[in-house]
């Protein structure tokens, strides 16, 4: 979760863009559009989601690691779990 106003605004902007892409994709499917543009839109959405995930993960890692002089094993395990889910 972004904690400063600038990062929060950037995350919300990205989420709104993704929401708009999903709504456009739904309309295209309902209208029976060709597969190629739908697949292209899906790829764009995937890129937007991955970019948002990378930004949030970056911020979370920086905040967690900055809290203490040395990360605990629980912090390390949490980071590894987040990285694994991101890389799926």
N, C-alpha and C. Protein backbone atom coordinates (compact mmCIF):
# COMPACT_ATOMS: atom_id res chain seq x y z
N UNK A 1 0.84 -1.17 0.00
CA UNK A 1 0.00 0.00 0.00
C UNK A 1 0.88 1.24 0.00
N UNK A 2 0.71 2.12 -0.98
CA UNK A 2 1.49 3.35 -0.99
C UNK A 2 1.12 4.22 0.22
N UNK A 3 2.13 4.80 0.84
CA UNK A 3 1.89 5.58 2.05
C UNK A 3 2.01 7.08 1.84
N UNK A 4 2.67 7.51 0.77
CA UNK A 4 2.70 8.96 0.56
C UNK A 4 1.71 9.33 -0.54
N UNK A 5 1.31 10.59 -0.55
CA UNK A 5 0.24 11.05 -1.44
C UNK A 5 0.59 10.86 -2.91
N UNK A 6 1.83 11.12 -3.28
CA UNK A 6 2.24 11.00 -4.68
C UNK A 6 2.12 9.55 -5.17
N UNK A 7 2.63 8.60 -4.37
CA UNK A 7 2.57 7.20 -4.77
C UNK A 7 1.14 6.68 -4.78
N UNK A 8 0.34 7.13 -3.81
CA UNK A 8 -1.07 6.72 -3.76
C UNK A 8 -1.81 7.23 -4.99
N UNK A 9 -1.57 8.48 -5.37
CA UNK A 9 -2.21 9.06 -6.55
C UNK A 9 -1.81 8.29 -7.81
N UNK A 10 -0.54 7.95 -7.91
CA UNK A 10 -0.05 7.20 -9.07
C UNK A 10 -0.70 5.82 -9.13
N UNK A 11 -0.84 5.15 -7.99
CA UNK A 11 -1.47 3.83 -7.96
C UNK A 11 -2.94 3.92 -8.35
N UNK A 12 -3.64 4.92 -7.84
CA UNK A 12 -5.05 5.08 -8.17
C UNK A 12 -5.23 5.39 -9.64
N UNK A 13 -4.35 6.22 -10.20
CA UNK A 13 -4.41 6.53 -11.63
C UNK A 13 -4.23 5.27 -12.46
N UNK A 14 -3.27 4.44 -12.08
CA UNK A 14 -3.06 3.18 -12.80
C UNK A 14 -4.26 2.26 -12.66
N UNK A 15 -4.83 2.17 -11.47
CA UNK A 15 -6.00 1.32 -11.26
C UNK A 15 -7.18 1.80 -12.11
N UNK A 16 -7.37 3.09 -12.21
CA UNK A 16 -8.46 3.62 -13.05
C UNK A 16 -8.22 3.32 -14.52
N UNK A 17 -6.97 3.38 -14.94
CA UNK A 17 -6.64 3.04 -16.33
C UNK A 17 -6.94 1.57 -16.59
N UNK A 18 -6.55 0.71 -15.66
CA UNK A 18 -6.82 -0.72 -15.79
C UNK A 18 -8.33 -0.97 -15.82
N UNK A 19 -9.06 -0.28 -14.96
CA UNK A 19 -10.52 -0.41 -14.92
C UNK A 19 -11.12 -0.01 -16.27
N UNK A 20 -10.64 1.09 -16.83
CA UNK A 20 -11.12 1.53 -18.14
C UNK A 20 -10.80 0.52 -19.23
N UNK A 21 -9.62 -0.07 -19.16
CA UNK A 21 -9.25 -1.10 -20.13
C UNK A 21 -10.16 -2.31 -19.99
N UNK A 22 -10.47 -2.71 -18.76
CA UNK A 22 -11.34 -3.86 -18.54
C UNK A 22 -12.75 -3.58 -19.04
N UNK A 23 -13.25 -2.38 -18.82
CA UNK A 23 -14.58 -2.02 -19.30
C UNK A 23 -14.62 -2.00 -20.82
N UNK A 24 -13.58 -1.48 -21.46
CA UNK A 24 -13.52 -1.47 -22.92
C UNK A 24 -13.44 -2.89 -23.46
N UNK A 25 -12.70 -3.73 -22.78
CA UNK A 25 -12.58 -5.13 -23.18
C UNK A 25 -13.93 -5.83 -23.07
N UNK A 26 -14.65 -5.58 -22.00
CA UNK A 26 -15.98 -6.18 -21.83
C UNK A 26 -16.92 -5.75 -22.96
N UNK A 27 -16.90 -4.47 -23.30
CA UNK A 27 -17.74 -3.98 -24.39
C UNK A 27 -17.36 -4.63 -25.72
N UNK A 28 -16.07 -4.80 -25.94
CA UNK A 28 -15.61 -5.42 -27.19
C UNK A 28 -16.06 -6.87 -27.28
N UNK A 29 -15.99 -7.59 -26.18
CA UNK A 29 -16.42 -8.99 -26.17
C UNK A 29 -17.93 -9.07 -26.38
N UNK A 30 -18.68 -8.21 -25.69
CA UNK A 30 -20.13 -8.19 -25.85
C UNK A 30 -20.53 -7.86 -27.28
N UNK A 31 -19.76 -7.00 -27.94
CA UNK A 31 -20.06 -6.59 -29.32
C UNK A 31 -19.61 -7.63 -30.34
N UNK A 32 -18.89 -8.64 -29.89
CA UNK A 32 -18.42 -9.68 -30.81
C UNK A 32 -17.25 -9.22 -31.67
N UNK A 33 -16.40 -8.38 -31.13
CA UNK A 33 -15.23 -7.89 -31.87
C UNK A 33 -14.29 -9.02 -32.24
N UNK A 34 -13.42 -8.75 -33.21
CA UNK A 34 -12.42 -9.73 -33.62
C UNK A 34 -11.47 -10.03 -32.46
N UNK A 35 -10.87 -11.21 -32.54
CA UNK A 35 -9.98 -11.66 -31.46
C UNK A 35 -8.70 -10.83 -31.37
N UNK A 36 -8.12 -10.43 -32.50
CA UNK A 36 -6.82 -9.76 -32.48
C UNK A 36 -6.84 -8.49 -31.62
N UNK A 37 -7.80 -7.58 -31.81
CA UNK A 37 -7.81 -6.39 -30.95
C UNK A 37 -8.09 -6.71 -29.48
N UNK A 38 -8.89 -7.74 -29.23
CA UNK A 38 -9.17 -8.14 -27.85
C UNK A 38 -7.89 -8.66 -27.20
N UNK A 39 -7.15 -9.48 -27.93
CA UNK A 39 -5.89 -10.00 -27.39
C UNK A 39 -4.89 -8.87 -27.15
N UNK A 40 -4.87 -7.90 -28.05
CA UNK A 40 -3.97 -6.76 -27.88
C UNK A 40 -4.35 -5.97 -26.62
N UNK A 41 -5.65 -5.79 -26.40
CA UNK A 41 -6.11 -5.08 -25.21
C UNK A 41 -5.78 -5.87 -23.95
N UNK A 42 -5.93 -7.19 -24.00
CA UNK A 42 -5.56 -8.02 -22.86
C UNK A 42 -4.07 -7.90 -22.53
N UNK A 43 -3.25 -7.87 -23.57
CA UNK A 43 -1.81 -7.71 -23.35
C UNK A 43 -1.50 -6.36 -22.72
N UNK A 44 -2.21 -5.32 -23.15
CA UNK A 44 -2.02 -3.99 -22.56
C UNK A 44 -2.44 -3.98 -21.09
N UNK A 45 -3.55 -4.65 -20.78
CA UNK A 45 -4.00 -4.74 -19.39
C UNK A 45 -3.00 -5.50 -18.54
N UNK A 46 -2.49 -6.59 -19.09
CA UNK A 46 -1.50 -7.38 -18.35
C UNK A 46 -0.28 -6.52 -18.03
N UNK A 47 0.18 -5.75 -19.01
CA UNK A 47 1.32 -4.87 -18.78
C UNK A 47 1.04 -3.82 -17.72
N UNK A 48 -0.17 -3.27 -17.74
CA UNK A 48 -0.55 -2.27 -16.74
C UNK A 48 -0.60 -2.88 -15.34
N UNK A 49 -1.15 -4.08 -15.23
CA UNK A 49 -1.22 -4.76 -13.93
C UNK A 49 0.17 -5.10 -13.43
N UNK A 50 1.02 -5.61 -14.31
CA UNK A 50 2.39 -5.95 -13.91
C UNK A 50 3.16 -4.70 -13.47
N UNK A 51 2.96 -3.59 -14.18
CA UNK A 51 3.62 -2.35 -13.79
C UNK A 51 3.17 -1.88 -12.42
N UNK A 52 1.88 -1.96 -12.15
CA UNK A 52 1.35 -1.58 -10.84
C UNK A 52 1.90 -2.50 -9.76
N UNK A 53 1.91 -3.79 -10.03
CA UNK A 53 2.45 -4.74 -9.05
C UNK A 53 3.92 -4.45 -8.76
N UNK A 54 4.68 -4.15 -9.78
CA UNK A 54 6.11 -3.87 -9.59
C UNK A 54 6.30 -2.62 -8.74
N UNK A 55 5.52 -1.58 -9.00
CA UNK A 55 5.62 -0.35 -8.20
C UNK A 55 5.26 -0.59 -6.74
N UNK A 56 4.16 -1.31 -6.52
CA UNK A 56 3.73 -1.58 -5.14
C UNK A 56 4.73 -2.46 -4.42
N UNK A 57 5.24 -3.46 -5.11
CA UNK A 57 6.23 -4.35 -4.51
C UNK A 57 7.50 -3.58 -4.17
N UNK A 58 7.93 -2.71 -5.06
CA UNK A 58 9.11 -1.88 -4.82
C UNK A 58 8.92 -1.03 -3.56
N UNK A 59 7.79 -0.35 -3.48
CA UNK A 59 7.53 0.49 -2.31
C UNK A 59 7.45 -0.31 -1.03
N UNK A 60 6.80 -1.46 -1.09
CA UNK A 60 6.68 -2.31 0.10
C UNK A 60 8.05 -2.79 0.57
N UNK A 61 8.87 -3.22 -0.37
CA UNK A 61 10.20 -3.70 0.00
C UNK A 61 11.03 -2.58 0.61
N UNK A 62 10.98 -1.41 0.02
CA UNK A 62 11.75 -0.28 0.55
C UNK A 62 11.29 0.09 1.96
N UNK A 63 9.97 0.13 2.17
CA UNK A 63 9.45 0.48 3.49
C UNK A 63 9.81 -0.58 4.52
N UNK A 64 9.67 -1.84 4.17
CA UNK A 64 9.94 -2.93 5.10
C UNK A 64 11.41 -2.97 5.46
N UNK A 65 12.27 -2.83 4.48
CA UNK A 65 13.70 -2.93 4.74
C UNK A 65 14.25 -1.68 5.43
N UNK A 66 13.58 -0.56 5.29
CA UNK A 66 14.06 0.68 5.92
C UNK A 66 13.64 0.77 7.39
N UNK A 67 12.70 -0.06 7.81
CA UNK A 67 12.19 0.01 9.18
C UNK A 67 13.20 -0.42 10.23
N UNK A 68 14.13 -1.21 9.86
CA UNK A 68 15.04 -1.78 10.85
C UNK A 68 16.43 -1.93 10.26
N UNK A 69 17.43 -2.07 11.11
CA UNK A 69 18.79 -2.22 10.60
C UNK A 69 18.99 -3.51 9.81
N UNK A 70 18.36 -4.58 10.22
CA UNK A 70 18.48 -5.85 9.51
C UNK A 70 17.10 -6.49 9.45
N UNK A 71 16.68 -6.94 8.27
CA UNK A 71 15.35 -7.55 8.17
C UNK A 71 15.28 -8.86 8.96
N UNK A 72 14.12 -9.11 9.54
CA UNK A 72 13.92 -10.36 10.28
C UNK A 72 13.67 -11.49 9.28
N UNK A 73 13.72 -12.70 9.76
CA UNK A 73 13.44 -13.85 8.89
C UNK A 73 12.00 -13.78 8.38
N UNK A 74 11.08 -13.30 9.22
CA UNK A 74 9.68 -13.16 8.79
C UNK A 74 9.57 -12.15 7.65
N UNK A 75 10.32 -11.04 7.73
CA UNK A 75 10.32 -10.05 6.65
C UNK A 75 10.86 -10.65 5.36
N UNK A 76 11.93 -11.40 5.48
CA UNK A 76 12.53 -12.04 4.31
C UNK A 76 11.56 -13.04 3.70
N UNK A 77 10.92 -13.85 4.54
CA UNK A 77 9.95 -14.83 4.05
C UNK A 77 8.78 -14.15 3.35
N UNK A 78 8.31 -13.03 3.92
CA UNK A 78 7.21 -12.30 3.30
C UNK A 78 7.63 -11.77 1.93
N UNK A 79 8.82 -11.20 1.84
CA UNK A 79 9.31 -10.68 0.56
C UNK A 79 9.42 -11.79 -0.48
N UNK A 80 9.95 -12.92 -0.07
CA UNK A 80 10.08 -14.04 -1.01
C UNK A 80 8.71 -14.52 -1.48
N UNK A 81 7.76 -14.57 -0.57
CA UNK A 81 6.40 -14.98 -0.94
C UNK A 81 5.79 -14.00 -1.94
N UNK A 82 5.96 -12.70 -1.68
CA UNK A 82 5.45 -11.69 -2.60
C UNK A 82 6.12 -11.79 -3.96
N UNK A 83 7.42 -12.00 -3.96
CA UNK A 83 8.14 -12.14 -5.23
C UNK A 83 7.66 -13.36 -6.00
N UNK A 84 7.46 -14.47 -5.30
CA UNK A 84 6.97 -15.68 -5.97
C UNK A 84 5.60 -15.45 -6.60
N UNK A 85 4.72 -14.79 -5.87
CA UNK A 85 3.38 -14.54 -6.42
C UNK A 85 3.45 -13.56 -7.60
N UNK A 86 4.37 -12.61 -7.54
CA UNK A 86 4.53 -11.65 -8.63
C UNK A 86 5.07 -12.33 -9.89
N UNK A 87 5.94 -13.29 -9.71
CA UNK A 87 6.59 -13.93 -10.85
C UNK A 87 5.75 -15.05 -11.48
N UNK A 88 4.61 -15.37 -10.91
CA UNK A 88 3.75 -16.42 -11.47
C UNK A 88 3.17 -16.00 -12.79
